[in-house]
Amino acid sequence: MKYIISIIVLIVIVSIGTLFALKKPPPVGTPVLSINDRAFTQAEFDNRYKMQPYQKGDKSEFVQTLIMRELLIQAAKNQGIDKEEAFRWSIQNFYEQSLIKVLMDRQYKALEMAATEEQVNRCLGLIDKKLTITEFISEKPSASGIPNEPSRQFTDRFENLSAELQFAVYSLVVGEISAPIAMGGVYYVYRLDALEEAKAAGPTMDREQVRQLLSEHLTAKAVEKWIDSLKKQADIKVAID
């Protein structure tokens, strides 16, 4: 009797084990490519092919590229490179830079500005004009908007000015000052002192070129303003000697 009970118990145990074995989930996908111990399913291969950053070519070429890439990765791991501190730091740095790039691309698109006809006309109207400008430099923006002492005064054609200076003064009327511009750790403010006709200097930018440059400048300024708002809202503590 004991012998029969033992046989029954053994059969039950084997049956339960078989049931659990049959219930084990099947592999996610059948490998379509294997390189040593590394297997790629059809889904993973298709995703990698779709997400490649360069122009998609023949799949057979992509397969060879993927094989070479995986062989080199395996060789690097065999040498322990993936465990080295310098490598881990480079991965962290690449991750952070990629994250920032994606964010900035999205912000530029979200904050994209378009120059108005009035702004375009104002810029076009300054071509072949001489501007007399006074430059002020200070370590921080003045409460009145302009530092006490000027740095220099100069006269030049509008089209000869740097792009940053053109954008700073194009909307000013004589006697007005620009908003402070932060560069190299100091702030620059410009006052338009005089505006006079100059001899035509030949072909210059057309309306669409001016519109594009102005739109890019306005978008960049909108992004700068957004970054400044991040700084103002953040809780930043510095205790570095």
Protein backbone atom coordinates (compact mmCIF):
# COMPACT_ATOMS: atom_id res chain seq x y z
CA MET A 1 0.00 0.00 0.00
CA LYS A 2 2.77 2.41 0.95
CA TYR A 3 4.52 1.49 -2.30
CA ILE A 4 1.42 2.37 -4.37
CA ILE A 5 0.99 5.71 -2.54
CA SER A 6 4.64 6.55 -3.23
CA ILE A 7 4.14 5.82 -6.95
CA ILE A 8 1.04 8.03 -7.04
CA VAL A 9 2.86 10.91 -5.29
CA LEU A 10 5.76 10.63 -7.77
CA ILE A 11 3.37 10.72 -10.71
CA VAL A 12 1.62 13.81 -9.28
CA ILE A 13 4.96 15.63 -8.76
CA VAL A 14 6.11 14.81 -12.29
CA SER A 15 2.74 15.91 -13.69
CA ILE A 16 2.90 19.26 -11.84
CA GLY A 17 6.45 19.83 -13.04
CA THR A 18 5.42 19.07 -16.61
CA LEU A 19 2.48 21.46 -16.32
CA PHE A 20 4.71 24.31 -15.14
CA ALA A 21 7.17 23.56 -17.93
CA LEU A 22 4.40 23.73 -20.50
CA LYS A 23 3.20 27.05 -19.07
CA LYS A 24 6.64 28.74 -19.41
CA PRO A 25 6.30 31.70 -21.81
CA PRO A 26 7.80 31.12 -25.26
CA PRO A 27 10.67 33.29 -26.50
CA VAL A 28 9.64 36.84 -27.44
CA GLY A 29 10.74 36.24 -31.01
CA THR A 30 12.71 33.87 -33.14
CA PRO A 31 16.23 35.22 -33.81
CA VAL A 32 16.76 36.34 -37.39
CA LEU A 33 20.41 37.19 -36.78
CA SER A 34 22.85 35.81 -34.21
CA ILE A 35 26.44 36.86 -33.60
CA ASN A 36 28.11 34.60 -31.09
CA ASP A 37 25.82 34.82 -28.04
CA ARG A 38 23.97 37.92 -29.25
CA ALA A 39 20.62 37.32 -30.95
CA PHE A 40 18.43 39.81 -32.79
CA THR A 41 14.72 39.19 -33.24
CA GLN A 42 12.86 40.41 -36.31
CA ALA A 43 11.24 43.20 -34.26
CA GLU A 44 14.59 44.44 -32.91
CA PHE A 45 16.23 44.28 -36.33
CA ASP A 46 13.36 46.18 -37.99
CA ASN A 47 13.47 48.85 -35.27
CA ARG A 48 17.22 49.33 -35.62
CA TYR A 49 16.91 49.56 -39.39
CA LYS A 50 14.14 52.14 -39.10
CA MET A 51 15.93 54.25 -36.47
CA GLN A 52 19.33 54.50 -38.16
CA PRO A 53 20.34 58.20 -38.33
CA TYR A 54 21.65 58.15 -41.89
CA GLN A 55 19.86 57.44 -45.18
CA LYS A 56 18.47 53.93 -45.36
CA GLY A 57 20.20 51.75 -47.95
CA ASP A 58 20.07 48.10 -48.87
CA LYS A 59 19.17 45.82 -45.95
CA SER A 60 22.05 43.48 -46.74
CA GLU A 61 24.47 46.38 -46.26
CA PHE A 62 22.81 47.23 -42.97
CA VAL A 63 23.16 43.60 -41.84
CA GLN A 64 26.91 43.70 -42.50
CA THR A 65 27.19 47.00 -40.63
CA LEU A 66 25.26 45.55 -37.70
CA ILE A 67 27.48 42.45 -37.64
CA MET A 68 30.67 44.52 -37.62
CA ARG A 69 29.25 46.83 -34.94
CA GLU A 70 28.31 43.88 -32.69
CA LEU A 71 31.68 42.15 -33.17
CA LEU A 72 33.47 45.34 -32.12
CA ILE A 73 31.15 45.75 -29.11
CA GLN A 74 31.85 42.19 -28.03
CA ALA A 75 35.61 42.72 -28.44
CA ALA A 76 35.40 45.88 -26.32
CA LYS A 77 33.45 44.06 -23.59
CA ASN A 78 35.96 41.19 -23.64
CA GLN A 79 38.67 43.75 -22.86
CA GLY A 80 36.58 45.19 -20.02
CA ILE A 81 36.32 48.63 -21.61
CA ASP A 82 32.63 48.90 -20.69
CA LYS A 83 33.62 48.74 -17.00
CA GLU A 84 36.26 51.48 -17.15
CA GLU A 85 35.45 54.77 -15.42
CA ALA A 86 36.44 56.89 -18.44
CA PHE A 87 34.05 54.94 -20.64
CA ARG A 88 31.19 55.24 -18.16
CA TRP A 89 31.79 58.99 -17.96
CA SER A 90 31.77 59.34 -21.76
CA ILE A 91 28.44 57.46 -21.89
CA GLN A 92 26.98 59.73 -19.21
CA ASN A 93 28.22 62.83 -21.06
CA PHE A 94 26.84 61.60 -24.40
CA TYR A 95 23.48 60.84 -22.76
CA GLU A 96 23.27 64.31 -21.22
CA GLN A 97 24.29 66.07 -24.45
CA SER A 98 21.74 64.06 -26.44
CA LEU A 99 19.04 64.87 -23.90
CA ILE A 100 19.82 68.58 -24.09
CA LYS A 101 19.88 68.55 -27.90
CA VAL A 102 16.45 66.93 -28.12
CA LEU A 103 15.08 69.42 -25.59
CA MET A 104 16.54 72.45 -27.39
CA ASP A 105 15.32 71.25 -30.79
CA ARG A 106 11.81 70.97 -29.37
CA GLN A 107 11.98 74.36 -27.65
CA TYR A 108 13.18 76.10 -30.82
CA LYS A 109 10.25 74.55 -32.67
CA ALA A 110 7.76 75.38 -29.90
CA LEU A 111 8.99 79.00 -29.56
CA GLU A 112 9.50 79.64 -33.27
CA MET A 113 8.88 83.31 -34.10
CA ALA A 114 8.07 84.94 -37.43
CA ALA A 115 9.27 88.46 -38.26
CA THR A 116 6.50 90.95 -39.01
CA GLU A 117 6.34 93.02 -42.18
CA GLU A 118 7.07 96.12 -40.10
CA GLN A 119 10.26 94.57 -38.72
CA VAL A 120 11.39 93.45 -42.17
CA ASN A 121 10.68 96.91 -43.64
CA ARG A 122 12.61 98.55 -40.81
CA CYS A 123 15.71 96.45 -41.52
CA LEU A 124 15.47 96.98 -45.27
CA GLY A 125 15.09 100.71 -44.69
CA LEU A 126 18.42 100.84 -42.84
CA ILE A 127 20.39 99.39 -45.73
CA ASP A 128 22.54 102.12 -47.33
CA LYS A 129 22.27 104.16 -44.12
CA LYS A 130 25.07 105.35 -41.84
CA LEU A 131 24.46 104.93 -38.14
CA THR A 132 26.26 106.77 -35.37
CA ILE A 133 26.18 104.60 -32.27
CA THR A 134 27.44 105.01 -28.71
CA GLU A 135 28.44 101.82 -26.93
CA PHE A 136 28.21 101.38 -23.17
CA ILE A 137 29.76 98.49 -21.23
CA SER A 138 29.07 97.50 -17.62
CA GLU A 139 29.48 94.49 -15.38
CA LYS A 140 25.76 94.38 -14.65
CA PRO A 141 22.65 96.01 -16.14
CA SER A 142 22.02 99.52 -14.87
CA ALA A 143 18.73 100.30 -13.12
CA SER A 144 18.23 103.22 -15.53
CA GLY A 145 19.00 100.98 -18.49
CA ILE A 146 22.25 102.73 -19.41
CA PRO A 147 25.65 102.98 -17.63
CA ASN A 148 26.99 106.39 -16.64
CA GLU A 149 30.07 106.43 -18.87
CA PRO A 150 30.15 105.52 -22.59
CA SER A 151 32.80 103.15 -23.88
CA ARG A 152 33.07 104.48 -27.42
CA GLN A 153 31.17 106.14 -30.26
CA PHE A 154 31.45 105.06 -33.88
CA THR A 155 29.80 105.54 -37.27
CA ASP A 156 29.34 102.79 -39.86
CA ARG A 157 26.96 101.49 -42.49
CA PHE A 158 24.17 99.29 -41.19
CA GLU A 159 25.21 96.37 -43.42
CA ASN A 160 28.78 96.54 -42.04
CA LEU A 161 27.65 96.04 -38.45
CA SER A 162 27.79 92.60 -36.84
CA ALA A 163 24.55 90.64 -36.92
CA GLU A 164 24.20 90.97 -33.13
CA LEU A 165 24.58 94.75 -33.35
CA GLN A 166 22.20 95.01 -36.31
CA PHE A 167 19.51 93.18 -34.34
CA ALA A 168 20.20 95.37 -31.29
CA VAL A 169 19.67 98.70 -33.09
CA TYR A 170 17.39 98.05 -36.08
CA SER A 171 14.23 98.90 -34.14
CA LEU A 172 15.64 102.04 -32.44
CA VAL A 173 14.86 105.62 -33.31
CA VAL A 174 17.47 108.33 -32.80
CA GLY A 175 18.10 108.86 -29.08
CA GLU A 176 16.82 105.45 -27.98
CA ILE A 177 18.95 102.78 -26.29
CA SER A 178 18.94 99.03 -26.83
CA ALA A 179 18.19 96.35 -24.29
CA PRO A 180 21.33 95.07 -22.48
CA ILE A 181 23.20 92.34 -24.34
CA ALA A 182 25.23 89.88 -22.26
CA MET A 183 28.54 88.92 -23.88
CA GLY A 184 31.78 87.69 -22.33
CA GLY A 185 30.67 88.28 -18.75
CA VAL A 186 29.71 91.95 -19.29
CA TYR A 187 26.67 93.82 -20.61
CA TYR A 188 26.59 95.99 -23.73
CA VAL A 189 24.06 98.76 -24.32
CA TYR A 190 23.86 100.76 -27.56
CA ARG A 191 22.38 104.21 -28.21
CA LEU A 192 21.47 105.34 -31.71
CA ASP A 193 22.77 108.91 -31.94
CA ALA A 194 22.32 109.71 -35.62
CA LEU A 195 21.08 108.24 -38.88
CA GLU A 196 22.04 109.51 -42.32
CA GLU A 197 21.98 108.45 -45.95
CA ALA A 198 25.03 106.69 -47.41
CA LYS A 199 26.09 106.02 -50.96
CA ALA A 200 24.54 102.83 -52.36
CA ALA A 201 26.97 99.94 -52.05
CA GLY A 202 25.46 97.54 -54.59
CA PRO A 203 23.28 94.43 -54.17
CA THR A 204 22.36 93.49 -50.62
CA MET A 205 20.04 90.97 -48.94
CA ASP A 206 16.55 90.63 -50.34
CA ARG A 207 13.32 90.70 -48.34
CA GLU A 208 13.12 86.94 -47.77
CA GLN A 209 16.72 86.75 -46.53
CA VAL A 210 16.03 89.57 -44.08
CA ARG A 211 12.80 87.90 -42.96
CA GLN A 212 14.58 84.59 -42.34
CA LEU A 213 17.46 86.17 -40.39
CA LEU A 214 15.09 88.24 -38.30
CA SER A 215 12.86 85.25 -37.56
CA GLU A 216 15.87 83.17 -36.49
CA HIS A 217 17.05 86.00 -34.24
CA LEU A 218 13.63 86.46 -32.64
CA THR A 219 13.36 82.71 -32.03
CA ALA A 220 16.83 82.61 -30.46
CA LYS A 221 15.88 85.49 -28.16
CA ALA A 222 12.68 83.67 -27.15
CA VAL A 223 14.72 80.59 -26.26
CA GLU A 224 17.19 82.72 -24.27
CA LYS A 225 14.28 84.20 -22.35
CA TRP A 226 12.97 80.71 -21.62
CA ILE A 227 16.40 79.63 -20.32
CA ASP A 228 16.54 82.73 -18.10
CA SER A 229 13.15 81.78 -16.66
CA LEU A 230 14.53 78.33 -15.76
CA LYS A 231 17.36 79.99 -13.83
CA LYS A 232 14.98 82.33 -11.98
CA GLN A 233 12.64 79.49 -10.99
CA ALA A 234 15.41 77.11 -9.91
CA ASP A 235 16.74 76.68 -6.38
CA ILE A 236 20.50 76.98 -7.01
CA LYS A 237 23.11 76.86 -4.26
CA VAL A 238 26.84 77.18 -4.99
CA ALA A 239 29.48 76.34 -2.37
CA ILE A 240 32.54 75.97 -4.60
CA ASP A 241 35.75 77.75 -3.63
